[in-house]
Amino acid sequence: MSAAYDVRATGRVQGVWYRAYVAEQARRQGVTGWVANQPDGSVTGHFEGESAAVLALIETCRIGPPKARVDHLEVTPSGTIGAETFEVRR
């Protein structure tokens, strides 16, 4: 069963390797999509793939890498975009 979600992380999530961490975890779990910094200091992303893998990645995003502090993670079900890889956007 496949799933797709959009996420938005707030807190100390820029300048702490958050995007790279999420991308590494996504690739390990076979999740496709993207992650990007936003002008307001948040990080947004789109994840799609097998339900269990996508949900595991979402839980990983709640914690982030050691220097990050995730205050809130907004998770919204989404439609698939047909992503074939996982990319870090600027």
PDB file of N, CA and C in Angstrom:
ATOM      1  N   MET A   1       0.844  -1.180   0.000  1.00  0.00           N
ATOM      2  CA  MET A   1       0.000   0.000   0.000  1.00  0.00           C
ATOM      3  C   MET A   1       0.889   1.244   0.000  1.00  0.00           C
ATOM      4  N   SER A   2       0.589   2.176  -0.868  1.00  0.00           N
ATOM      5  CA  SER A   2       1.421   3.376  -0.947  1.00  0.00           C
ATOM      6  C   SER A   2       0.734   4.550  -0.251  1.00  0.00           C
ATOM      7  N   ALA A   3       1.572   5.530   0.103  1.00  0.00           N
ATOM      8  CA  ALA A   3       1.087   6.715   0.809  1.00  0.00           C
ATOM      9  C   ALA A   3       1.882   7.922   0.344  1.00  0.00           C
ATOM     10  N   ALA A   4       1.284   9.090   0.512  1.00  0.00           N
ATOM     11  CA  ALA A   4       1.969  10.345   0.196  1.00  0.00           C
ATOM     12  C   ALA A   4       1.545  11.393   1.221  1.00  0.00           C
ATOM     13  N   TYR A   5       2.540  12.133   1.719  1.00  0.00           N
ATOM     14  CA  TYR A   5       2.282  13.173   2.707  1.00  0.00           C
ATOM     15  C   TYR A   5       3.150  14.387   2.424  1.00  0.00           C
ATOM     16  N   ASP A   6       2.604  15.558   2.771  1.00  0.00           N
ATOM     17  CA  ASP A   6       3.377  16.791   2.801  1.00  0.00           C
ATOM     18  C   ASP A   6       3.673  17.076   4.267  1.00  0.00           C
ATOM     19  N   VAL A   7       4.882  17.568   4.533  1.00  0.00           N
ATOM     20  CA  VAL A   7       5.265  17.870   5.911  1.00  0.00           C
ATOM     21  C   VAL A   7       5.848  19.277   5.993  1.00  0.00           C
ATOM     22  N   ARG A   8       5.750  19.858   7.181  1.00  0.00           N
ATOM     23  CA  ARG A   8       6.351  21.171   7.456  1.00  0.00           C
ATOM     24  C   ARG A   8       6.893  21.132   8.876  1.00  0.00           C
ATOM     25  N   ALA A   9       8.206  21.247   9.003  1.00  0.00           N
ATOM     26  CA  ALA A   9       8.860  21.234  10.306  1.00  0.00           C
ATOM     27  C   ALA A   9       9.246  22.648  10.697  1.00  0.00           C
ATOM     28  N   THR A  10       8.952  22.996  11.967  1.00  0.00           N
ATOM     29  CA  THR A  10       9.362  24.295  12.494  1.00  0.00           C
ATOM     30  C   THR A  10      10.216  24.070  13.736  1.00  0.00           C
ATOM     31  N   GLY A  11      10.990  25.075  14.074  1.00  0.00           N
ATOM     32  CA  GLY A  11      11.925  25.002  15.191  1.00  0.00           C
ATOM     33  C   GLY A  11      13.307  25.369  14.670  1.00  0.00           C
ATOM     34  N   ARG A  12      14.337  24.753  15.220  1.00  0.00           N
ATOM     35  CA  ARG A  12      15.689  24.974  14.698  1.00  0.00           C
ATOM     36  C   ARG A  12      15.959  23.864  13.691  1.00  0.00           C
ATOM     37  N   VAL A  13      15.540  24.100  12.441  1.00  0.00           N
ATOM     38  CA  VAL A  13      15.629  23.079  11.395  1.00  0.00           C
ATOM     39  C   VAL A  13      16.428  23.537  10.172  1.00  0.00           C
ATOM     40  N   GLN A  14      16.903  24.757  10.187  1.00  0.00           N
ATOM     41  CA  GLN A  14      17.777  25.224   9.103  1.00  0.00           C
ATOM     42  C   GLN A  14      19.168  25.457   9.669  1.00  0.00           C
ATOM     43  N   GLY A  15      20.179  25.115   8.865  1.00  0.00           N
ATOM     44  CA  GLY A  15      21.559  25.306   9.282  1.00  0.00           C
ATOM     45  C   GLY A  15      22.053  24.237  10.239  1.00  0.00           C
ATOM     46  N   VAL A  16      21.321  23.133  10.350  1.00  0.00           N
ATOM     47  CA  VAL A  16      21.689  22.051  11.272  1.00  0.00           C
ATOM     48  C   VAL A  16      21.690  20.687  10.558  1.00  0.00           C
ATOM     49  N   TRP A  17      21.791  20.686   9.250  1.00  0.00           N
ATOM     50  CA  TRP A  17      21.832  19.463   8.421  1.00  0.00           C
ATOM     51  C   TRP A  17      20.508  18.704   8.412  1.00  0.00           C
ATOM     52  N   TYR A  18      19.420  19.386   8.688  1.00  0.00           N
ATOM     53  CA  TYR A  18      18.113  18.727   8.725  1.00  0.00           C
ATOM     54  C   TYR A  18      17.738  18.148   7.363  1.00  0.00           C
ATOM     55  N   ARG A  19      17.863  18.948   6.302  1.00  0.00           N
ATOM     56  CA  ARG A  19      17.486  18.454   4.970  1.00  0.00           C
ATOM     57  C   ARG A  19      18.321  17.249   4.558  1.00  0.00           C
ATOM     58  N   ALA A  20      19.633  17.325   4.769  1.00  0.00           N
ATOM     59  CA  ALA A  20      20.514  16.213   4.398  1.00  0.00           C
ATOM     60  C   ALA A  20      20.169  14.956   5.186  1.00  0.00           C
ATOM     61  N   TYR A  21      19.854  15.132   6.455  1.00  0.00           N
ATOM     62  CA  TYR A  21      19.476  14.016   7.317  1.00  0.00           C
ATOM     63  C   TYR A  21      18.190  13.355   6.813  1.00  0.00           C
ATOM     64  N   VAL A  22      17.191  14.165   6.508  1.00  0.00           N
ATOM     65  CA  VAL A  22      15.925  13.636   6.000  1.00  0.00           C
ATOM     66  C   VAL A  22      16.151  12.906   4.678  1.00  0.00           C
ATOM     67  N   ALA A  23      16.942  13.497   3.785  1.00  0.00           N
ATOM     68  CA  ALA A  23      17.205  12.867   2.489  1.00  0.00           C
ATOM     69  C   ALA A  23      17.908  11.528   2.659  1.00  0.00           C
ATOM     70  N   GLU A  24      18.883  11.469   3.543  1.00  0.00           N
ATOM     71  CA  GLU A  24      19.609  10.212   3.786  1.00  0.00           C
ATOM     72  C   GLU A  24      18.652   9.139   4.306  1.00  0.00           C
ATOM     73  N   GLN A  25      17.817   9.508   5.256  1.00  0.00           N
ATOM     74  CA  GLN A  25      16.860   8.552   5.814  1.00  0.00           C
ATOM     75  C   GLN A  25      15.831   8.121   4.761  1.00  0.00           C
ATOM     76  N   ALA A  26      15.372   9.047   3.933  1.00  0.00           N
ATOM     77  CA  ALA A  26      14.406   8.724   2.880  1.00  0.00           C
ATOM     78  C   ALA A  26      15.001   7.717   1.896  1.00  0.00           C
ATOM     79  N   ARG A  27      16.231   7.961   1.478  1.00  0.00           N
ATOM     80  CA  ARG A  27      16.867   7.053   0.516  1.00  0.00           C
ATOM     81  C   ARG A  27      17.074   5.674   1.121  1.00  0.00           C
ATOM     82  N   ARG A  28      17.435   5.618   2.386  1.00  0.00           N
ATOM     83  CA  ARG A  28      17.609   4.325   3.072  1.00  0.00           C
ATOM     84  C   ARG A  28      16.309   3.533   3.113  1.00  0.00           C
ATOM     85  N   GLN A  29      15.191   4.251   3.247  1.00  0.00           N
ATOM     86  CA  GLN A  29      13.898   3.589   3.382  1.00  0.00           C
ATOM     87  C   GLN A  29      13.147   3.451   2.057  1.00  0.00           C
ATOM     88  N   GLY A  30      13.745   3.933   0.970  1.00  0.00           N
ATOM     89  CA  GLY A  30      13.105   3.809  -0.338  1.00  0.00           C
ATOM     90  C   GLY A  30      11.956   4.774  -0.561  1.00  0.00           C
ATOM     91  N   VAL A  31      11.966   5.897   0.157  1.00  0.00           N
ATOM     92  CA  VAL A  31      10.924   6.912   0.003  1.00  0.00           C
ATOM     93  C   VAL A  31      11.381   7.929  -1.040  1.00  0.00           C
ATOM     94  N   THR A  32      10.481   8.362  -1.892  1.00  0.00           N
ATOM     95  CA  THR A  32      10.800   9.372  -2.902  1.00  0.00           C
ATOM     96  C   THR A  32      10.122  10.681  -2.539  1.00  0.00           C
ATOM     97  N   GLY A  33      10.564  11.768  -3.196  1.00  0.00           N
ATOM     98  CA  GLY A  33       9.985  13.086  -2.964  1.00  0.00           C
ATOM     99  C   GLY A  33      11.057  14.143  -2.861  1.00  0.00           C
ATOM    100  N   TRP A  34      10.865  15.091  -1.956  1.00  0.00           N
ATOM    101  CA  TRP A  34      11.806  16.208  -1.823  1.00  0.00           C
ATOM    102  C   TRP A  34      11.700  16.839  -0.443  1.00  0.00           C
ATOM    103  N   VAL A  35      12.702  17.656  -0.118  1.00  0.00           N
ATOM    104  CA  VAL A  35      12.727  18.438   1.113  1.00  0.00           C
ATOM    105  C   VAL A  35      13.379  19.781   0.788  1.00  0.00           C
ATOM    106  N   ALA A  36      12.881  20.881   1.392  1.00  0.00           N
ATOM    107  CA  ALA A  36      13.384  22.213   1.042  1.00  0.00           C
ATOM    108  C   ALA A  36      13.273  23.191   2.214  1.00  0.00           C
ATOM    109  N   ASN A  37      14.246  24.096   2.315  1.00  0.00           N
ATOM    110  CA  ASN A  37      14.171  25.211   3.256  1.00  0.00           C
ATOM    111  C   ASN A  37      13.151  26.220   2.755  1.00  0.00           C
ATOM    112  N   GLN A  38      12.486  26.892   3.693  1.00  0.00           N
ATOM    113  CA  GLN A  38      11.531  27.933   3.344  1.00  0.00           C
ATOM    114  C   GLN A  38      11.990  29.266   3.934  1.00  0.00           C
ATOM    115  N   PRO A  39      11.609  30.390   3.319  1.00  0.00           N
ATOM    116  CA  PRO A  39      12.036  31.707   3.803  1.00  0.00           C
ATOM    117  C   PRO A  39      11.653  31.996   5.259  1.00  0.00           C
ATOM    118  N   ASP A  40      10.592  31.361   5.767  1.00  0.00           N
ATOM    119  CA  ASP A  40      10.163  31.624   7.144  1.00  0.00           C
ATOM    120  C   ASP A  40      10.955  30.823   8.178  1.00  0.00           C
ATOM    121  N   GLY A  41      11.962  30.064   7.740  1.00  0.00           N
ATOM    122  CA  GLY A  41      12.787  29.283   8.654  1.00  0.00           C
ATOM    123  C   GLY A  41      12.333  27.846   8.826  1.00  0.00           C
ATOM    124  N   SER A  42      11.212  27.488   8.224  1.00  0.00           N
ATOM    125  CA  SER A  42      10.734  26.106   8.303  1.00  0.00           C
ATOM    126  C   SER A  42      11.368  25.266   7.196  1.00  0.00           C
ATOM    127  N   VAL A  43      11.138  23.968   7.273  1.00  0.00           N
ATOM    128  CA  VAL A  43      11.539  23.039   6.225  1.00  0.00           C
ATOM    129  C   VAL A  43      10.283  22.285   5.806  1.00  0.00           C
ATOM    130  N   THR A  44      10.034  22.233   4.504  1.00  0.00           N
ATOM    131  CA  THR A  44       8.875  21.504   3.997  1.00  0.00           C
ATOM    132  C   THR A  44       9.346  20.330   3.155  1.00  0.00           C
ATOM    133  N   GLY A  45       8.448  19.384   2.961  1.00  0.00           N
ATOM    134  CA  GLY A  45       8.803  18.239   2.147  1.00  0.00           C
ATOM    135  C   GLY A  45       7.584  17.508   1.646  1.00  0.00           C
ATOM    136  N   HIS A  46       7.823  16.654   0.683  1.00  0.00           N
ATOM    137  CA  HIS A  46       6.801  15.758   0.139  1.00  0.00           C
ATOM    138  C   HIS A  46       7.418  14.376   0.117  1.00  0.00           C
ATOM    139  N   PHE A  47       6.732  13.414   0.748  1.00  0.00           N
ATOM    140  CA  PHE A  47       7.229  12.049   0.832  1.00  0.00           C
ATOM    141  C   PHE A  47       6.198  11.106   0.229  1.00  0.00           C
ATOM    142  N   GLU A  48       6.665  10.154  -0.568  1.00  0.00           N
ATOM    143  CA  GLU A  48       5.754   9.134  -1.077  1.00  0.00           C
ATOM    144  C   GLU A  48       6.465   7.795  -1.198  1.00  0.00           C
ATOM    145  N   GLY A  49       5.684   6.750  -1.081  1.00  0.00           N
ATOM    146  CA  GLY A  49       6.218   5.396  -1.160  1.00  0.00           C
ATOM    147  C   GLY A  49       5.360   4.448  -0.353  1.00  0.00           C
ATOM    148  N   GLU A  50       5.943   3.310   0.017  1.00  0.00           N
ATOM    149  CA  GLU A  50       5.218   2.337   0.829  1.00  0.00           C
ATOM    150  C   GLU A  50       4.819   2.979   2.156  1.00  0.00           C
ATOM    151  N   SER A  51       3.606   2.739   2.576  1.00  0.00           N
ATOM    152  CA  SER A  51       3.061   3.362   3.785  1.00  0.00           C
ATOM    153  C   SER A  51       3.976   3.254   4.990  1.00  0.00           C
ATOM    154  N   ALA A  52       4.452   2.072   5.299  1.00  0.00           N
ATOM    155  CA  ALA A  52       5.285   1.882   6.486  1.00  0.00           C
ATOM    156  C   ALA A  52       6.558   2.707   6.408  1.00  0.00           C
ATOM    157  N   ALA A  53       7.165   2.782   5.222  1.00  0.00           N
ATOM    158  CA  ALA A  53       8.404   3.540   5.048  1.00  0.00           C
ATOM    159  C   ALA A  53       8.148   5.034   5.179  1.00  0.00           C
ATOM    160  N   VAL A  54       7.063   5.515   4.592  1.00  0.00           N
ATOM    161  CA  VAL A  54       6.732   6.940   4.668  1.00  0.00           C
ATOM    162  C   VAL A  54       6.421   7.337   6.112  1.00  0.00           C
ATOM    163  N   LEU A  55       5.656   6.515   6.806  1.00  0.00           N
ATOM    164  CA  LEU A  55       5.320   6.823   8.198  1.00  0.00           C
ATOM    165  C   LEU A  55       6.562   6.782   9.089  1.00  0.00           C
ATOM    166  N   ALA A  56       7.480   5.869   8.810  1.00  0.00           N
ATOM    167  CA  ALA A  56       8.732   5.819   9.574  1.00  0.00           C
ATOM    168  C   ALA A  56       9.556   7.083   9.321  1.00  0.00           C
ATOM    169  N   LEU A  57       9.587   7.556   8.067  1.00  0.00           N
ATOM    170  CA  LEU A  57      10.321   8.776   7.756  1.00  0.00           C
ATOM    171  C   LEU A  57       9.700   9.979   8.470  1.00  0.00           C
ATOM    172  N   ILE A  58       8.395  10.028   8.531  1.00  0.00           N
ATOM    173  CA  ILE A  58       7.719  11.115   9.241  1.00  0.00           C
ATOM    174  C   ILE A  58       8.133  11.115  10.707  1.00  0.00           C
ATOM    175  N   GLU A  59       8.190   9.956  11.323  1.00  0.00           N
ATOM    176  CA  GLU A  59       8.609   9.881  12.726  1.00  0.00           C
ATOM    177  C   GLU A  59      10.060  10.337  12.882  1.00  0.00           C
ATOM    178  N   THR A  60      10.918   9.994  11.931  1.00  0.00           N
ATOM    179  CA  THR A  60      12.310  10.440  11.940  1.00  0.00           C
ATOM    180  C   THR A  60      12.370  11.963  11.880  1.00  0.00           C
ATOM    181  N   CYS A  61      11.476  12.574  11.102  1.00  0.00           N
ATOM    182  CA  CYS A  61      11.440  14.033  10.964  1.00  0.00           C
ATOM    183  C   CYS A  61      11.052  14.728  12.255  1.00  0.00           C
ATOM    184  N   ARG A  62      10.339  14.052  13.122  1.00  0.00           N
ATOM    185  CA  ARG A  62       9.935  14.641  14.402  1.00  0.00           C
ATOM    186  C   ARG A  62      11.140  14.851  15.321  1.00  0.00           C
ATOM    187  N   ILE A  63      12.200  14.078  15.088  1.00  0.00           N
ATOM    188  CA  ILE A  63      13.403  14.151  15.919  1.00  0.00           C
ATOM    189  C   ILE A  63      14.499  14.947  15.224  1.00  0.00           C
ATOM    190  N   GLY A  64      14.813  14.602  13.975  1.00  0.00           N
ATOM    191  CA  GLY A  64      15.855  15.288  13.219  1.00  0.00           C
ATOM    192  C   GLY A  64      17.251  14.901  13.672  1.00  0.00           C
ATOM    193  N   PRO A  65      18.259  15.525  13.096  1.00  0.00           N
ATOM    194  CA  PRO A  65      19.647  15.243  13.471  1.00  0.00           C
ATOM    195  C   PRO A  65      19.972  15.853  14.840  1.00  0.00           C
ATOM    196  N   PRO A  66      21.128  15.514  15.402  1.00  0.00           N
ATOM    197  CA  PRO A  66      21.465  15.948  16.765  1.00  0.00           C
ATOM    198  C   PRO A  66      21.362  17.449  17.042  1.00  0.00           C
ATOM    199  N   LYS A  67      21.747  18.309  16.113  1.00  0.00           N
ATOM    200  CA  LYS A  67      21.736  19.757  16.376  1.00  0.00           C
ATOM    201  C   LYS A  67      20.384  20.426  16.115  1.00  0.00           C
ATOM    202  N   ALA A  68      19.436  19.672  15.566  1.00  0.00           N
ATOM    203  CA  ALA A  68      18.114  20.228  15.271  1.00  0.00           C
ATOM    204  C   ALA A  68      17.230  20.203  16.514  1.00  0.00           C
ATOM    205  N   ARG A  69      16.208  21.056  16.474  1.00  0.00           N
ATOM    206  CA  ARG A  69      15.156  21.046  17.489  1.00  0.00           C
ATOM    207  C   ARG A  69      13.839  21.225  16.739  1.00  0.00           C
ATOM    208  N   VAL A  70      13.063  20.190  16.664  1.00  0.00           N
ATOM    209  CA  VAL A  70      11.786  20.244  15.968  1.00  0.00           C
ATOM    210  C   VAL A  70      10.704  20.591  16.983  1.00  0.00           C
ATOM    211  N   ASP A  71      10.153  21.791  16.857  1.00  0.00           N
ATOM    212  CA  ASP A  71       9.095  22.225  17.764  1.00  0.00           C
ATOM    213  C   ASP A  71       7.734  21.691  17.331  1.00  0.00           C
ATOM    214  N   HIS A  72       7.531  21.608  16.019  1.00  0.00           N
ATOM    215  CA  HIS A  72       6.237  21.151  15.498  1.00  0.00           C
ATOM    216  C   HIS A  72       6.444  20.537  14.122  1.00  0.00           C
ATOM    217  N   LEU A  73       5.757  19.444  13.865  1.00  0.00           N
ATOM    218  CA  LEU A  73       5.766  18.827  12.536  1.00  0.00           C
ATOM    219  C   LEU A  73       4.325  18.710  12.070  1.00  0.00           C
ATOM    220  N   GLU A  74       3.995  19.491  11.053  1.00  0.00           N
ATOM    221  CA  GLU A  74       2.660  19.443  10.462  1.00  0.00           C
ATOM    222  C   GLU A  74       2.683  18.384   9.365  1.00  0.00           C
ATOM    223  N   VAL A  75       1.757  17.463   9.401  1.00  0.00           N
ATOM    224  CA  VAL A  75       1.705  16.356   8.445  1.00  0.00           C
ATOM    225  C   VAL A  75       0.336  16.363   7.781  1.00  0.00           C
ATOM    226  N   THR A  76       0.322  16.419   6.442  1.00  0.00           N
ATOM    227  CA  THR A  76      -0.921  16.482   5.688  1.00  0.00           C
ATOM    228  C   THR A  76      -0.927  15.410   4.604  1.00  0.00           C
ATOM    229  N   PRO A  77      -1.953  14.556   4.552  1.00  0.00           N
ATOM    230  CA  PRO A  77      -2.040  13.596   3.461  1.00  0.00           C
ATOM    231  C   PRO A  77      -2.043  14.331   2.122  1.00  0.00           C
ATOM    232  N   SER A  78      -1.436  13.719   1.121  1.00  0.00           N
ATOM    233  CA  SER A  78      -1.286  14.360  -0.181  1.00  0.00           C
ATOM    234  C   SER A  78      -1.475  13.333  -1.281  1.00  0.00           C
ATOM    235  N   GLY A  79      -1.608  13.818  -2.490  1.00  0.00           N
ATOM    236  CA  GLY A  79      -1.608  12.945  -3.646  1.00  0.00           C
ATOM    237  C   GLY A  79      -0.175  12.688  -4.078  1.00  0.00           C
ATOM    238  N   THR A  80       0.029  11.620  -4.809  1.00  0.00           N
ATOM    239  CA  THR A  80       1.380  11.334  -5.302  1.00  0.00           C
ATOM    240  C   THR A  80       1.720  12.267  -6.458  1.00  0.00           C
ATOM    241  N   ILE A  81       3.010  12.547  -6.608  1.00  0.00           N
ATOM    242  CA  ILE A  81       3.483  13.392  -7.707  1.00  0.00           C
ATOM    243  C   ILE A  81       4.319  12.583  -8.693  1.00  0.00           C
ATOM    244  N   GLY A  82       4.469  11.284  -8.429  1.00  0.00           N
ATOM    245  CA  GLY A  82       5.241  10.426  -9.316  1.00  0.00           C
ATOM    246  C   GLY A  82       6.750  10.598  -9.164  1.00  0.00           C
ATOM    247  N   ALA A  83       7.196  11.017  -8.004  1.00  0.00           N
ATOM    248  CA  ALA A  83       8.638  11.213  -7.776  1.00  0.00           C
ATOM    249  C   ALA A  83       9.356   9.879  -7.915  1.00  0.00           C
ATOM    250  N   GLU A  84      10.514   9.905  -8.578  1.00  0.00           N
ATOM    251  CA  GLU A  84      11.280   8.685  -8.777  1.00  0.00           C
ATOM    252  C   GLU A  84      12.517   8.644  -7.894  1.00  0.00           C
ATOM    253  N   THR A  85      12.917   9.793  -7.344  1.00  0.00           N
ATOM    254  CA  THR A  85      14.091   9.882  -6.466  1.00  0.00           C
ATOM    255  C   THR A  85      13.714  10.763  -5.291  1.00  0.00           C
ATOM    256  N   PHE A  86      14.679  10.983  -4.402  1.00  0.00           N
ATOM    257  CA  PHE A  86      14.477  11.933  -3.312  1.00  0.00           C
ATOM    258  C   PHE A  86      15.490  13.033  -3.495  1.00  0.00           C
ATOM    259  N   GLU A  87      15.033  14.275  -3.542  1.00  0.00           N
ATOM    260  CA  GLU A  87      15.947  15.392  -3.775  1.00  0.00           C
ATOM    261  C   GLU A  87      15.889  16.441  -2.676  1.00  0.00           C
ATOM    262  N   VAL A  88      17.015  17.092  -2.480  1.00  0.00           N
ATOM    263  CA  VAL A  88      17.111  18.222  -1.561  1.00  0.00           C
ATOM    264  C   VAL A  88      16.992  19.475  -2.418  1.00  0.00           C
ATOM    265  N   ARG A  89      15.974  20.254  -2.167  1.00  0.00           N
ATOM    266  CA  ARG A  89      15.777  21.513  -2.909  1.00  0.00           C
ATOM    267  C   ARG A  89      16.293  22.655  -2.070  1.00  0.00           C
ATOM    268  N   ARG A  90      16.618  23.756  -2.720  1.00  0.00           N
ATOM    269  CA  ARG A  90      17.110  24.938  -2.010  1.00  0.00           C
ATOM    270  C   ARG A  90      15.995  25.853  -1.594  1.00  0.00           C
TER     271      ARG A  90
END
